Amino acid sequence: MRDKEILKKTILLVKPHLGRLGIAMVSMVAVAGLSAAQAYMVKPLLDEIFFKKDHLMLNLLPLALVLLFLVKGFFYYCYAYMMERVGHTIIMELRKKMLHHVQLLPAPFFNKTTTGELMSRITSDVILLQAAVSSTLVGVLKDFFQILGLLGVVFYQDWKLALMSMIFLPMATFPIVHFGRRYRRLSTKGQETMAEVSTVLHEALGGNRIVKAFCKEEYEYNRFAAIVDRLFGITVRDIQLRSLAHPIMELLGGIGIALIIWYGGMQVLNGTATPGTFFSFLTALIMIYEPIKKVSSINNTLQQGIAAAVRVFTLLETRPEPYDPPGAVTIPPIAKEIELRHVSFSYDDNTEVIKDLNLTVRAGEVLALVGPSGGGKTTLANLIPRFYEVSRGQILIDGHDIARATLPSLRGQIGLVTQQTILFNDTVRNNISYGEPDRTDEEVIAAARAAHALEFIRELPQGFDTVIGESGSRLSGGQRQRISIARALLKNAPILILDEATSALDTESEREVQKALDNLMQGRTTFVIAHRLSTIKNADRIIVMQDGRIAEEGTHQSLLARNGLYTTLHDMQ
């Protein structure tokens, strides 16, 4: 991404806040003008008070100085407050925008991008971009106006000496340009490494039970330490550059000021300039040097911001899933059937996972999908809510092609219960009513009762108001699954997908969950993916999938009588 594109996109972020930025810039110009006035006041201080012994000026000048600092302080407050407010508003809006955009990205994106990487972009990178916008871009403008005002004082006091001092200004740009390129490269590496830190940390903390079970605490520590050490190395190189840039700027400034002192001092001794004029000139020159020196440190922040902007804008430019295609229709609730016509699917455009599959499922039918691992069962189930788009063919609900449907009307009629139960660090009530926040307490309790969850919920410390921890960590596996089933019951969707919903449970928990599932499946068009064949004996129809195709189809008894692949799977269990 080119710098021009980054600047254009950054300006679009800033555009809604031009009013506050305008106030900040006016205040900034006032601060710059008053800084120049401070430098100018050195002349009357020396010439009128110390040399001419003017008592009136002695009484007036301190009051004028206090007033000047008071007004300057007011304008500085306006500038600093507005800039901070705009900066943090941009952070807030950008984080909201990024999370909203990420939630619209298709499922394949999450297969390739780690959670830690996304967290790093939404948290760390946004802060670096904000620093570049508020502290840097506008900070440069503030310093520019300050330099402009002070240059006015310098040229007014002694234009010949001023021209001479300008020779040294181009020299100050050398370290800025030289170190700038290296800052950006280091910043990009640092941000990428920080994303790795977030990823490893997220895995180590989220998978702490597995880490403990396999006694891999030392391994996870070493893995984390290696990345942190790498980040430390990058940070040290960045510190070296910062530390080197400052003394180089000091040296160049010192040489320039030393020569000016010598030349200006000669003019004072020769009587061609007054001490007040010379010291006013020198004060303004030193004050000019400070904002020029700041540009070096500002440049580091700017380069970090540019590197962060590339990562932020690249994420925002990732194409979201086709939420509502042109001419999209609202699909009414299923009344007749779901039909798959010549459906094929490939994750990588090379190897087909689903191959020219044809299938019709009647409304209200319970269809079980079984077969060896890698046969395409879960992939087929993921195509129905359009977590993935079919490569070829069509999926139709009552004759409506779901590829031409609005996602809310499609996914709104699909309930999902998976082996990996997804719960939130919230109350039991809010987890059950997730997606259905307007449901009454009576409806939530009824869903919990139907899911065989009411008894254990009432035994929790705060009942339905108990916070269940991250991913429901305070509940057992069977309890988490029944909360998930209660959530699906409350949604009351006409189509249901059960993906290995009982495979991770012990026998007792499975029995309770199976009762809940039986209640859930009543009157719904249900796709049951199962490895345990005992759980799908009563399905209306069973299809056996192998290598992306339907190998066998029938009821439990008819498939056993056929003595084929289903019988082999059954005998193995």
Protein backbone atom coordinates (compact mmCIF):
# COMPACT_ATOMS: atom_id res chain seq x y z
CA MET A 1 0.00 0.00 0.00
CA ARG A 2 1.48 3.35 -1.06
CA ASP A 3 1.95 6.32 1.27
CA LYS A 4 -0.46 8.38 -0.85
CA GLU A 5 -3.22 5.77 -0.36
CA ILE A 6 -2.53 5.60 3.38
CA LEU A 7 -2.71 9.40 3.66
CA LYS A 8 -5.98 9.49 1.70
CA LYS A 9 -7.60 6.85 3.93
CA THR A 10 -6.31 8.54 7.08
CA ILE A 11 -7.80 11.88 5.97
CA LEU A 12 -11.15 10.11 5.56
CA LEU A 13 -10.89 9.00 9.20
CA VAL A 14 -10.15 12.56 10.32
CA LYS A 15 -12.74 14.28 8.08
CA PRO A 16 -15.76 13.93 10.44
CA HIS A 17 -13.76 15.73 13.15
CA LEU A 18 -12.67 18.77 11.16
CA GLY A 19 -14.61 21.14 13.47
CA ARG A 20 -12.65 20.16 16.57
CA LEU A 21 -9.44 19.98 14.56
CA GLY A 22 -10.12 23.52 13.35
CA ILE A 23 -10.37 24.76 16.95
CA ALA A 24 -7.15 22.88 17.74
CA MET A 25 -5.33 24.44 14.78
CA VAL A 26 -6.46 27.99 15.65
CA SER A 27 -5.29 27.39 19.22
CA MET A 28 -2.06 25.97 17.86
CA VAL A 29 -1.38 29.08 15.76
CA ALA A 30 -2.07 31.25 18.83
CA VAL A 31 0.41 29.18 20.89
CA ALA A 32 3.01 29.54 18.12
CA GLY A 33 2.49 33.33 17.94
CA LEU A 34 2.74 33.72 21.71
CA SER A 35 5.93 31.61 21.74
CA ALA A 36 7.41 34.06 19.24
CA ALA A 37 6.31 36.95 21.49
CA GLN A 38 8.18 35.34 24.39
CA ALA A 39 11.39 35.36 22.37
CA TYR A 40 10.83 38.98 21.28
CA MET A 41 10.36 40.12 24.91
CA VAL A 42 14.01 39.29 25.65
CA LYS A 43 15.00 42.47 23.74
CA PRO A 44 13.09 45.02 25.93
CA LEU A 45 14.05 42.97 29.00
CA LEU A 46 17.75 43.55 28.35
CA ASP A 47 17.83 46.90 26.51
CA GLU A 48 15.11 48.82 28.42
CA ILE A 49 15.54 47.41 31.93
CA PHE A 50 19.14 46.29 32.39
CA PHE A 51 20.88 48.81 30.14
CA LYS A 52 18.54 51.88 30.11
CA LYS A 53 17.30 51.28 33.71
CA ASP A 54 13.64 52.02 32.77
CA HIS A 55 11.56 51.59 35.99
CA LEU A 56 8.20 51.80 34.19
CA MET A 57 9.22 48.98 31.88
CA LEU A 58 10.35 46.98 34.93
CA ASN A 59 6.81 47.25 36.36
CA LEU A 60 4.98 46.57 33.08
CA LEU A 61 7.08 43.76 31.59
CA PRO A 62 6.50 41.14 34.37
CA LEU A 63 2.72 41.77 34.19
CA ALA A 64 2.79 41.46 30.41
CA LEU A 65 4.78 38.22 30.76
CA VAL A 66 2.26 36.74 33.24
CA LEU A 67 -0.63 37.72 30.92
CA LEU A 68 1.19 36.19 27.95
CA PHE A 69 1.69 32.86 29.77
CA LEU A 70 -1.95 32.90 30.94
CA VAL A 71 -3.31 33.37 27.40
CA LYS A 72 -0.82 30.89 25.99
CA GLY A 73 -1.85 28.32 28.64
CA PHE A 74 -5.53 28.74 27.70
CA PHE A 75 -4.85 28.17 24.01
CA TYR A 76 -2.54 25.24 24.77
CA TYR A 77 -5.32 23.64 26.84
CA CYS A 78 -7.78 24.05 23.93
CA TYR A 79 -5.25 22.55 21.51
CA ALA A 80 -4.25 19.60 23.74
CA TYR A 81 -7.83 18.75 24.78
CA MET A 82 -9.25 18.85 21.26
CA MET A 83 -6.40 16.76 19.85
CA GLU A 84 -6.67 14.10 22.56
CA ARG A 85 -10.45 13.95 22.18
CA VAL A 86 -10.24 13.58 18.39
CA GLY A 87 -7.51 10.95 18.72
CA HIS A 88 -9.42 8.78 21.17
CA THR A 89 -12.66 9.22 19.21
CA ILE A 90 -10.86 7.87 16.14
CA ILE A 91 -9.61 4.89 18.18
CA MET A 92 -13.15 4.16 19.41
CA GLU A 93 -14.74 4.45 15.97
CA LEU A 94 -11.99 2.50 14.22
CA ARG A 95 -12.16 -0.38 16.70
CA LYS A 96 -15.95 -0.57 16.29
CA LYS A 97 -15.59 -0.47 12.52
CA MET A 98 -12.88 -3.15 12.50
CA LEU A 99 -14.79 -5.57 14.74
CA HIS A 100 -17.97 -5.05 12.71
CA HIS A 101 -16.03 -5.67 9.50
CA VAL A 102 -14.27 -8.75 10.90
CA GLN A 103 -17.62 -10.25 11.90
CA LEU A 104 -18.77 -9.95 8.28
CA LEU A 105 -15.72 -11.74 6.88
CA PRO A 106 -16.26 -15.22 5.43
CA ALA A 107 -15.39 -18.40 7.33
CA PRO A 108 -12.25 -19.17 5.21
CA PHE A 109 -10.68 -15.92 6.47
CA PHE A 110 -10.73 -17.21 10.06
CA ASN A 111 -9.12 -20.46 8.96
CA LYS A 112 -6.06 -18.48 7.83
CA THR A 113 -5.93 -15.69 10.46
CA THR A 114 -5.27 -16.29 14.15
CA THR A 115 -7.32 -14.72 16.93
CA GLY A 116 -4.16 -13.15 18.36
CA GLU A 117 -3.37 -11.49 15.02
CA LEU A 118 -6.85 -9.93 14.86
CA MET A 119 -6.68 -8.83 18.50
CA SER A 120 -3.32 -7.17 17.86
CA ARG A 121 -4.66 -5.23 14.87
CA ILE A 122 -7.78 -4.04 16.68
CA THR A 123 -5.93 -3.04 19.88
CA SER A 124 -2.23 -2.22 19.35
CA ASP A 125 -2.20 -1.16 15.69
CA VAL A 126 -5.15 1.21 16.11
CA ILE A 127 -3.36 3.03 18.96
CA LEU A 128 -0.24 3.50 16.81
CA LEU A 129 -2.37 4.85 13.96
CA GLN A 130 -4.13 7.26 16.34
CA ALA A 131 -0.76 8.52 17.57
CA ALA A 132 0.25 9.24 13.99
CA VAL A 133 -3.00 11.12 13.33
CA SER A 134 -3.36 13.23 16.47
CA SER A 135 0.10 13.54 17.98
CA THR A 136 2.16 13.50 14.80
CA LEU A 137 0.38 15.03 11.82
CA VAL A 138 -1.09 17.87 13.82
CA GLY A 139 2.02 18.08 16.03
CA VAL A 140 4.05 18.75 12.90
CA LEU A 141 1.63 21.55 12.00
CA LYS A 142 2.00 23.06 15.48
CA ASP A 143 5.79 22.99 15.22
CA PHE A 144 5.60 24.41 11.70
CA PHE A 145 3.60 27.44 12.86
CA GLN A 146 5.92 27.88 15.84
CA ILE A 147 8.97 27.80 13.56
CA LEU A 148 7.25 30.30 11.25
CA GLY A 149 6.54 32.75 14.08
CA LEU A 150 10.04 32.47 15.51
CA LEU A 151 11.60 32.92 12.06
CA GLY A 152 9.67 36.19 11.85
CA VAL A 153 11.36 37.34 15.09
CA VAL A 154 14.77 36.16 13.89
CA PHE A 155 14.58 38.00 10.56
CA TYR A 156 13.12 41.10 12.21
CA GLN A 157 16.02 41.29 14.67
CA ASP A 158 18.89 40.62 12.22
CA TRP A 159 18.14 39.37 8.71
CA LYS A 160 21.83 38.85 7.80
CA LEU A 161 22.46 36.70 10.84
CA ALA A 162 19.17 34.90 10.15
CA LEU A 163 20.23 34.00 6.60
CA MET A 164 23.50 32.68 7.95
CA SER A 165 21.70 30.47 10.48
CA MET A 166 19.48 29.01 7.74
CA ILE A 167 22.53 27.23 6.30
CA PHE A 168 22.37 24.75 9.19
CA LEU A 169 18.65 23.92 8.91
CA PRO A 170 19.02 21.53 5.91
CA MET A 171 21.63 19.60 7.90
CA ALA A 172 18.99 18.82 10.52
CA THR A 173 16.90 16.93 7.95
CA PHE A 174 19.63 14.32 7.38
CA PRO A 175 19.00 12.16 10.48
CA ILE A 176 15.22 12.54 10.02
CA VAL A 177 15.27 11.11 6.48
CA HIS A 178 18.01 8.57 7.16
CA PHE A 179 16.45 7.05 10.27
CA GLY A 180 12.85 7.33 9.00
CA ARG A 181 13.06 4.39 6.59
CA ARG A 182 14.61 2.16 9.25
CA TYR A 183 11.95 3.18 11.79
CA ARG A 184 9.17 1.94 9.50
CA ARG A 185 10.83 -1.42 8.80
CA LEU A 186 11.42 -2.01 12.50
CA SER A 187 7.89 -0.93 13.36
CA THR A 188 6.36 -3.37 10.85
CA LYS A 189 8.45 -6.22 12.29
CA GLY A 190 7.54 -5.15 15.81
CA GLN A 191 3.79 -5.13 15.09
CA GLU A 192 3.93 -8.53 13.38
CA THR A 193 5.87 -9.98 16.31
CA MET A 194 3.43 -8.40 18.78
CA ALA A 195 0.62 -10.24 16.92
CA GLU A 196 2.55 -13.50 17.44
CA VAL A 197 2.86 -12.68 21.15
CA SER A 198 -0.93 -12.21 21.35
CA THR A 199 -1.54 -15.49 19.51
CA VAL A 200 0.75 -17.60 21.73
CA LEU A 201 -0.59 -15.91 24.86
CA HIS A 202 -4.19 -16.52 23.80
CA GLU A 203 -3.47 -20.20 23.12
CA ALA A 204 -1.52 -20.74 26.34
CA LEU A 205 -4.19 -19.13 28.53
CA GLY A 206 -7.21 -20.46 26.63
CA GLY A 207 -5.81 -23.99 26.55
CA ASN A 208 -4.48 -23.99 30.12
CA ARG A 209 -6.16 -27.29 31.00
CA ILE A 210 -4.49 -29.12 28.11
CA VAL A 211 -1.18 -27.44 28.96
CA LYS A 212 -1.46 -28.71 32.54
CA ALA A 213 -2.71 -32.16 31.51
CA PHE A 214 0.32 -32.71 29.25
CA CYS A 215 2.77 -31.03 31.67
CA LYS A 216 3.75 -28.55 28.95
CA GLU A 217 4.04 -25.46 31.14
CA GLU A 218 7.77 -25.23 30.47
CA TYR A 219 7.26 -25.73 26.73
CA GLU A 220 4.65 -22.94 26.55
CA TYR A 221 6.89 -20.69 28.63
CA ASN A 222 9.83 -21.29 26.26
CA ARG A 223 7.64 -20.72 23.21
CA PHE A 224 6.35 -17.46 24.63
CA ALA A 225 9.81 -16.40 25.86
CA ALA A 226 11.35 -16.96 22.41
CA ILE A 227 8.87 -14.59 20.75
CA VAL A 228 9.13 -12.02 23.55
CA ASP A 229 12.93 -12.14 23.20
CA ARG A 230 12.57 -11.52 19.47
CA LEU A 231 10.26 -8.57 20.19
CA PHE A 232 12.80 -7.29 22.72
CA GLY A 233 15.56 -7.44 20.07
CA ILE A 234 13.45 -5.36 17.67
CA THR A 235 12.64 -2.90 20.46
CA VAL A 236 16.34 -2.57 21.37
CA ARG A 237 17.23 -1.74 17.74
CA ASP A 238 14.46 0.86 17.76
CA ILE A 239 15.86 2.32 21.00
CA GLN A 240 19.35 2.43 19.45
CA LEU A 241 18.03 4.47 16.52
CA ARG A 242 16.14 6.86 18.79
CA SER A 243 19.13 7.25 21.07
CA LEU A 244 21.47 7.91 18.13
CA ALA A 245 19.16 10.38 16.38
CA HIS A 246 18.94 12.68 19.41
CA PRO A 247 22.70 13.33 19.93
CA ILE A 248 23.20 13.79 16.17
CA MET A 249 20.50 16.48 16.21
CA GLU A 250 22.07 18.01 19.34
CA LEU A 251 25.52 18.08 17.73
CA LEU A 252 24.27 19.73 14.53
CA GLY A 253 22.31 22.28 16.56
CA GLY A 254 25.26 22.93 18.87
CA ILE A 255 27.62 23.61 15.95
CA GLY A 256 25.13 26.04 14.41
CA ILE A 257 24.44 27.90 17.66
CA ALA A 258 28.19 28.10 18.51
CA LEU A 259 28.93 29.77 15.18
CA ILE A 260 25.98 32.16 15.58
CA ILE A 261 27.15 33.12 19.10
CA TRP A 262 30.64 33.84 17.77
CA TYR A 263 29.42 35.90 14.81
CA GLY A 264 26.66 37.72 16.75
CA GLY A 265 28.97 38.38 19.67
CA MET A 266 31.44 40.02 17.31
CA GLN A 267 28.63 42.33 16.09
CA VAL A 268 27.78 43.33 19.68
CA LEU A 269 31.43 44.01 20.49
CA ASN A 270 31.77 46.06 17.31
CA GLY A 271 28.67 48.09 18.24
CA THR A 272 26.61 47.09 15.17
CA ALA A 273 23.98 45.32 17.34
CA THR A 274 22.63 45.78 20.89
CA PRO A 275 22.88 42.97 23.48
CA GLY A 276 19.05 42.88 23.64
CA THR A 277 18.77 42.37 19.90
CA PHE A 278 21.42 39.62 19.95
CA PHE A 279 19.93 37.72 22.91
CA SER A 280 16.39 38.05 21.52
CA PHE A 281 17.72 36.64 18.25
CA LEU A 282 19.55 33.81 20.07
CA THR A 283 16.49 32.95 22.20
CA ALA A 284 14.28 32.73 19.10
CA LEU A 285 16.90 30.60 17.33
CA ILE A 286 17.15 28.17 20.26
CA MET A 287 13.35 28.00 20.40
CA ILE A 288 13.29 27.22 16.64
CA TYR A 289 15.77 24.42 17.18
CA GLU A 290 13.48 22.67 19.71
CA PRO A 291 10.54 22.01 17.32
CA ILE A 292 12.99 21.00 14.58
CA LYS A 293 14.54 18.51 16.98
CA LYS A 294 11.07 17.19 17.84
CA VAL A 295 10.48 16.29 14.18
CA SER A 296 13.06 13.52 14.60
CA SER A 297 11.08 11.84 17.40
CA ILE A 298 7.78 12.65 15.68
CA ASN A 299 9.07 10.92 12.56
CA ASN A 300 9.48 7.69 14.54
CA THR A 301 5.85 7.85 15.68
CA LEU A 302 4.78 8.70 12.12
CA GLN A 303 6.60 5.70 10.65
CA GLN A 304 5.07 3.43 13.29
CA GLY A 305 1.65 4.88 12.45
CA ILE A 306 2.16 4.27 8.71
CA ALA A 307 3.19 0.66 9.35
CA ALA A 308 0.13 0.20 11.59
CA ALA A 309 -2.12 1.90 9.01
CA VAL A 310 -1.08 -0.64 6.37
CA ARG A 311 -2.16 -3.50 8.67
CA VAL A 312 -5.40 -1.77 9.72
CA PHE A 313 -6.48 -0.74 6.21
CA THR A 314 -5.48 -4.11 4.73
CA LEU A 315 -7.86 -5.77 7.19
CA LEU A 316 -10.64 -3.28 6.43
CA GLU A 317 -10.18 -3.89 2.69
CA THR A 318 -10.56 -7.67 3.05
CA ARG A 319 -13.74 -8.51 1.19
CA PRO A 320 -16.64 -9.42 3.49
CA GLU A 321 -18.95 -12.30 2.73
CA PRO A 322 -21.68 -11.38 0.21
CA TYR A 323 -24.18 -10.32 2.84
CA ASP A 324 -27.04 -9.37 0.54
CA PRO A 325 -26.31 -10.01 -3.16
CA PRO A 326 -28.01 -7.73 -5.71
CA GLY A 327 -31.67 -8.69 -6.01
CA ALA A 328 -31.51 -10.81 -2.84
CA VAL A 329 -34.82 -12.25 -1.69
CA THR A 330 -36.19 -12.99 1.76
CA ILE A 331 -36.75 -16.72 2.14
CA PRO A 332 -39.93 -17.62 4.06
CA PRO A 333 -39.72 -20.38 6.72
CA ILE A 334 -39.32 -23.85 5.22
CA ALA A 335 -42.59 -25.54 4.34
CA LYS A 336 -41.67 -28.33 1.88
CA GLU A 337 -38.06 -29.35 1.44
CA ILE A 338 -34.35 -28.59 1.23
CA GLU A 339 -32.80 -29.71 -2.04
CA LEU A 340 -29.14 -29.99 -3.02
CA ARG A 341 -28.62 -30.11 -6.79
CA HIS A 342 -25.26 -31.21 -8.16
CA VAL A 343 -23.47 -29.53 -5.26
CA SER A 344 -19.66 -29.51 -5.30
CA PHE A 345 -17.33 -27.71 -2.92
CA SER A 346 -13.58 -27.18 -2.62
CA TYR A 347 -11.67 -25.28 0.08
CA ASP A 348 -8.68 -24.55 -2.15
CA ASP A 349 -10.14 -24.71 -5.69
CA ASN A 350 -8.18 -27.93 -6.23
CA THR A 351 -9.42 -30.85 -4.14
CA GLU A 352 -13.20 -31.26 -4.01
CA VAL A 353 -14.55 -32.15 -0.57
CA ILE A 354 -18.14 -32.46 -1.84
CA LYS A 355 -18.54 -33.98 -5.30
CA ASP A 356 -21.67 -33.55 -7.44
CA LEU A 357 -23.99 -34.33 -4.54
CA ASN A 358 -27.77 -34.57 -4.97
CA LEU A 359 -30.04 -34.78 -1.93
CA THR A 360 -33.61 -33.86 -0.95
CA VAL A 361 -34.66 -33.49 2.69
CA ARG A 362 -38.35 -33.16 3.48
CA ALA A 363 -39.60 -30.55 5.94
CA GLY A 364 -39.72 -32.09 9.42
CA GLU A 365 -37.44 -35.00 8.47
CA VAL A 366 -34.53 -36.06 10.69
CA LEU A 367 -31.59 -36.83 8.43
CA ALA A 368 -28.42 -38.36 9.91
CA LEU A 369 -25.04 -37.93 8.23
CA VAL A 370 -22.45 -40.59 9.06
CA GLY A 371 -19.28 -41.90 7.53
CA PRO A 372 -15.49 -41.97 7.92
CA SER A 373 -13.66 -38.81 8.99
CA GLY A 374 -12.97 -36.46 6.07
CA GLY A 375 -16.01 -37.71 4.17
CA GLY A 376 -17.56 -34.23 3.95
CA LYS A 377 -20.30 -34.42 6.61
CA THR A 378 -19.48 -31.20 8.48
CA THR A 379 -18.64 -29.40 5.23
CA LEU A 380 -22.07 -30.28 3.87
CA ALA A 381 -23.73 -28.94 7.03
CA ASN A 382 -21.70 -25.70 6.78
CA LEU A 383 -22.96 -25.08 3.24
CA ILE A 384 -26.60 -24.84 4.35
CA PRO A 385 -26.22 -21.63 6.47
CA ARG A 386 -23.71 -20.40 3.85
CA PHE A 387 -20.70 -20.38 6.13
CA TYR A 388 -19.08 -21.43 2.85
CA GLU A 389 -20.37 -20.82 -0.67
CA VAL A 390 -20.84 -23.83 -2.96
CA SER A 391 -18.27 -24.12 -5.76
CA ARG A 392 -20.85 -25.51 -8.17
CA GLY A 393 -24.53 -26.44 -8.03
CA GLN A 394 -27.39 -25.09 -5.93
CA ILE A 395 -28.96 -25.47 -2.50
CA LEU A 396 -32.66 -24.64 -2.50
CA ILE A 397 -35.19 -24.17 0.29
CA ASP A 398 -38.72 -24.58 -1.09
CA GLY A 399 -37.30 -23.77 -4.54
CA HIS A 400 -35.43 -20.62 -3.43
CA ASP A 401 -31.70 -20.67 -4.18
CA ILE A 402 -30.01 -19.76 -0.89
CA ALA A 403 -27.18 -18.06 -2.81
CA ARG A 404 -29.76 -15.42 -3.80
CA ALA A 405 -31.18 -15.07 -0.28
CA THR A 406 -30.58 -12.44 2.38
CA LEU A 407 -28.44 -13.96 5.11
CA PRO A 408 -30.74 -12.87 7.98
CA SER A 409 -33.71 -14.65 6.40
CA LEU A 410 -31.60 -17.78 5.80
CA ARG A 411 -29.67 -18.00 9.06
CA GLY A 412 -32.66 -16.76 11.05
CA GLN A 413 -34.37 -20.12 10.43
CA ILE A 414 -31.38 -22.31 11.26
CA GLY A 415 -30.46 -23.47 14.78
CA LEU A 416 -26.97 -24.83 15.43
CA VAL A 417 -25.63 -27.09 18.18
CA THR A 418 -22.01 -28.19 17.80
CA GLN A 419 -19.56 -30.45 19.60
CA GLN A 420 -17.50 -27.39 20.54
CA THR A 421 -19.98 -25.52 22.69
CA ILE A 422 -19.65 -21.74 22.30
CA LEU A 423 -20.77 -19.92 25.43
CA PHE A 424 -19.95 -16.42 26.67
CA ASN A 425 -18.61 -15.05 29.96
CA ASP A 426 -22.07 -13.87 30.93
CA THR A 427 -25.07 -15.05 32.94
CA VAL A 428 -26.93 -18.26 32.22
CA ARG A 429 -29.99 -16.19 31.25
CA ASN A 430 -28.09 -14.08 28.71
CA ASN A 431 -26.44 -17.15 27.19
CA ILE A 432 -29.79 -18.87 26.69
CA SER A 433 -31.44 -15.72 25.32
CA TYR A 434 -28.45 -14.88 23.09
CA GLY A 435 -29.92 -13.54 19.85
CA GLU A 436 -33.38 -13.41 21.48
CA PRO A 437 -32.93 -10.69 24.15
CA ASP A 438 -36.61 -9.73 24.22
CA ARG A 439 -37.81 -13.13 25.43
CA THR A 440 -39.52 -13.20 28.83
CA ASP A 441 -38.13 -14.98 31.89
CA GLU A 442 -40.95 -17.56 31.55
CA GLU A 443 -39.83 -18.39 28.00
CA VAL A 444 -36.17 -18.71 29.09
CA ILE A 445 -37.19 -21.03 31.95
CA ALA A 446 -39.35 -23.10 29.57
CA ALA A 447 -36.41 -23.50 27.18
CA ALA A 448 -34.13 -24.54 30.06
CA ARG A 449 -36.73 -27.07 31.25
CA ALA A 450 -37.09 -28.57 27.75
CA ALA A 451 -33.28 -28.80 27.53
CA HIS A 452 -33.17 -30.70 30.86
CA ALA A 453 -31.07 -27.84 32.27
CA LEU A 454 -33.46 -26.27 34.78
CA GLU A 455 -32.50 -28.52 37.69
CA PHE A 456 -28.76 -27.80 37.65
CA ILE A 457 -29.31 -24.09 36.83
CA ARG A 458 -31.40 -23.66 39.99
CA GLU A 459 -28.57 -25.24 42.00
CA LEU A 460 -26.06 -22.62 40.79
CA PRO A 461 -25.15 -19.84 43.30
CA GLN A 462 -27.25 -17.15 41.61
CA GLY A 463 -29.42 -19.40 39.46
CA PHE A 464 -30.08 -17.86 36.04
CA ASP A 465 -28.00 -14.82 37.08
CA THR A 466 -24.83 -16.89 37.62
CA VAL A 467 -21.91 -15.83 35.42
CA ILE A 468 -20.59 -19.07 33.90
CA GLY A 469 -17.02 -17.97 33.05
CA GLU A 470 -15.12 -17.88 29.77
CA SER A 471 -16.56 -20.52 27.39
CA GLY A 472 -18.73 -21.75 30.29
CA SER A 473 -15.66 -22.92 32.24
CA ARG A 474 -17.64 -23.14 35.53
CA LEU A 475 -19.98 -25.78 34.06
CA SER A 476 -19.47 -29.42 33.14
CA GLY A 477 -19.44 -30.53 29.51
CA GLY A 478 -22.99 -31.88 29.69
CA GLN A 479 -24.24 -28.71 31.40
CA ARG A 480 -22.63 -26.50 28.75
CA GLN A 481 -24.23 -28.55 25.99
CA ARG A 482 -27.68 -28.33 27.57
CA ILE A 483 -27.34 -24.53 27.85
CA SER A 484 -26.49 -24.54 24.14
CA ILE A 485 -29.56 -26.66 23.40
CA ALA A 486 -31.75 -24.33 25.48
CA ARG A 487 -30.42 -21.45 23.37
CA ALA A 488 -31.41 -23.28 20.17
CA LEU A 489 -34.84 -24.14 21.63
CA LEU A 490 -35.50 -20.49 22.45
CA LYS A 491 -34.57 -19.46 18.92
CA ASN A 492 -37.22 -21.93 17.71
CA ALA A 493 -35.68 -22.22 14.24
CA PRO A 494 -37.41 -24.61 11.78
CA ILE A 495 -34.09 -26.03 10.52
CA LEU A 496 -31.65 -27.62 12.95
CA ILE A 497 -28.02 -28.69 12.51
CA LEU A 498 -26.52 -30.95 15.19
CA ASP A 499 -22.80 -31.43 14.62
CA GLU A 500 -21.44 -34.17 16.91
CA ALA A 501 -23.54 -32.68 19.72
CA THR A 502 -22.96 -35.60 22.13
CA SER A 503 -19.62 -37.05 21.04
CA ALA A 504 -17.57 -35.32 23.77
CA LEU A 505 -19.84 -36.39 26.65
CA ASP A 506 -19.77 -39.27 29.12
CA THR A 507 -22.60 -41.81 29.10
CA GLU A 508 -24.66 -40.16 31.85
CA SER A 509 -24.33 -36.67 30.36
CA GLU A 510 -25.08 -38.03 26.90
CA ARG A 511 -28.32 -39.56 28.16
CA GLU A 512 -29.47 -36.21 29.57
CA VAL A 513 -28.38 -34.29 26.49
CA GLN A 514 -30.05 -36.83 24.17
CA LYS A 515 -33.36 -36.27 25.98
CA ALA A 516 -32.92 -32.54 25.43
CA LEU A 517 -32.08 -33.11 21.77
CA ASP A 518 -35.19 -35.24 21.30
CA ASN A 519 -37.28 -32.30 22.53
CA LEU A 520 -35.33 -29.93 20.29
CA MET A 521 -35.78 -32.01 17.11
CA GLN A 522 -39.54 -32.33 17.38
CA GLY A 523 -41.19 -30.81 14.29
CA ARG A 524 -37.89 -29.51 12.87
CA THR A 525 -35.99 -30.34 9.72
CA THR A 526 -32.86 -31.75 11.31
CA PHE A 527 -29.38 -32.62 10.06
CA VAL A 528 -27.59 -34.83 12.60
CA ILE A 529 -23.85 -35.40 12.13
CA ALA A 530 -22.79 -38.29 14.32
CA HIS A 531 -19.96 -40.72 14.86
CA ARG A 532 -21.84 -42.67 17.54
CA LEU A 533 -24.34 -44.64 15.49
CA SER A 534 -26.34 -45.47 18.63
CA THR A 535 -27.52 -41.83 18.74
CA ILE A 536 -29.11 -41.86 15.27
CA LYS A 537 -30.91 -45.25 15.20
CA ASN A 538 -34.28 -43.50 15.21
CA ALA A 539 -33.47 -41.02 12.43
CA ASP A 540 -35.98 -40.96 9.56
CA ARG A 541 -33.14 -41.47 7.11
CA ILE A 542 -29.39 -42.04 7.28
CA ILE A 543 -26.92 -41.20 4.53
CA VAL A 544 -23.40 -42.59 4.62
CA MET A 545 -20.83 -40.19 3.15
CA GLN A 546 -17.45 -41.22 1.81
CA ASP A 547 -15.00 -39.09 -0.20
CA GLY A 548 -17.57 -36.30 -0.66
CA ARG A 549 -20.29 -38.56 -2.10
CA ILE A 550 -23.32 -40.43 -0.76
CA ALA A 551 -22.16 -44.04 -0.52
CA GLU A 552 -25.31 -45.49 1.07
CA GLU A 553 -28.77 -44.30 2.08
CA GLY A 554 -31.63 -45.76 4.13
CA THR A 555 -32.85 -46.46 7.66
CA HIS A 556 -30.75 -48.02 10.40
CA GLN A 557 -32.18 -51.51 9.83
CA SER A 558 -32.11 -51.38 6.02
CA LEU A 559 -28.48 -50.22 6.00
CA LEU A 560 -27.46 -53.02 8.38
CA ALA A 561 -29.21 -55.51 6.13
CA ARG A 562 -27.23 -54.23 3.14
CA ASN A 563 -23.99 -55.30 4.87
CA GLY A 564 -21.98 -52.40 3.40
CA LEU A 565 -20.00 -49.46 4.75
CA TYR A 566 -22.61 -48.62 7.41
CA THR A 567 -22.45 -52.19 8.71
CA THR A 568 -18.65 -51.93 8.89
CA LEU A 569 -18.90 -48.71 10.91
CA HIS A 570 -21.54 -50.25 13.15
CA ASP A 571 -19.48 -53.38 13.83
CA MET A 572 -16.39 -51.28 14.63
CA GLN A 573 -18.37 -49.56 17.38
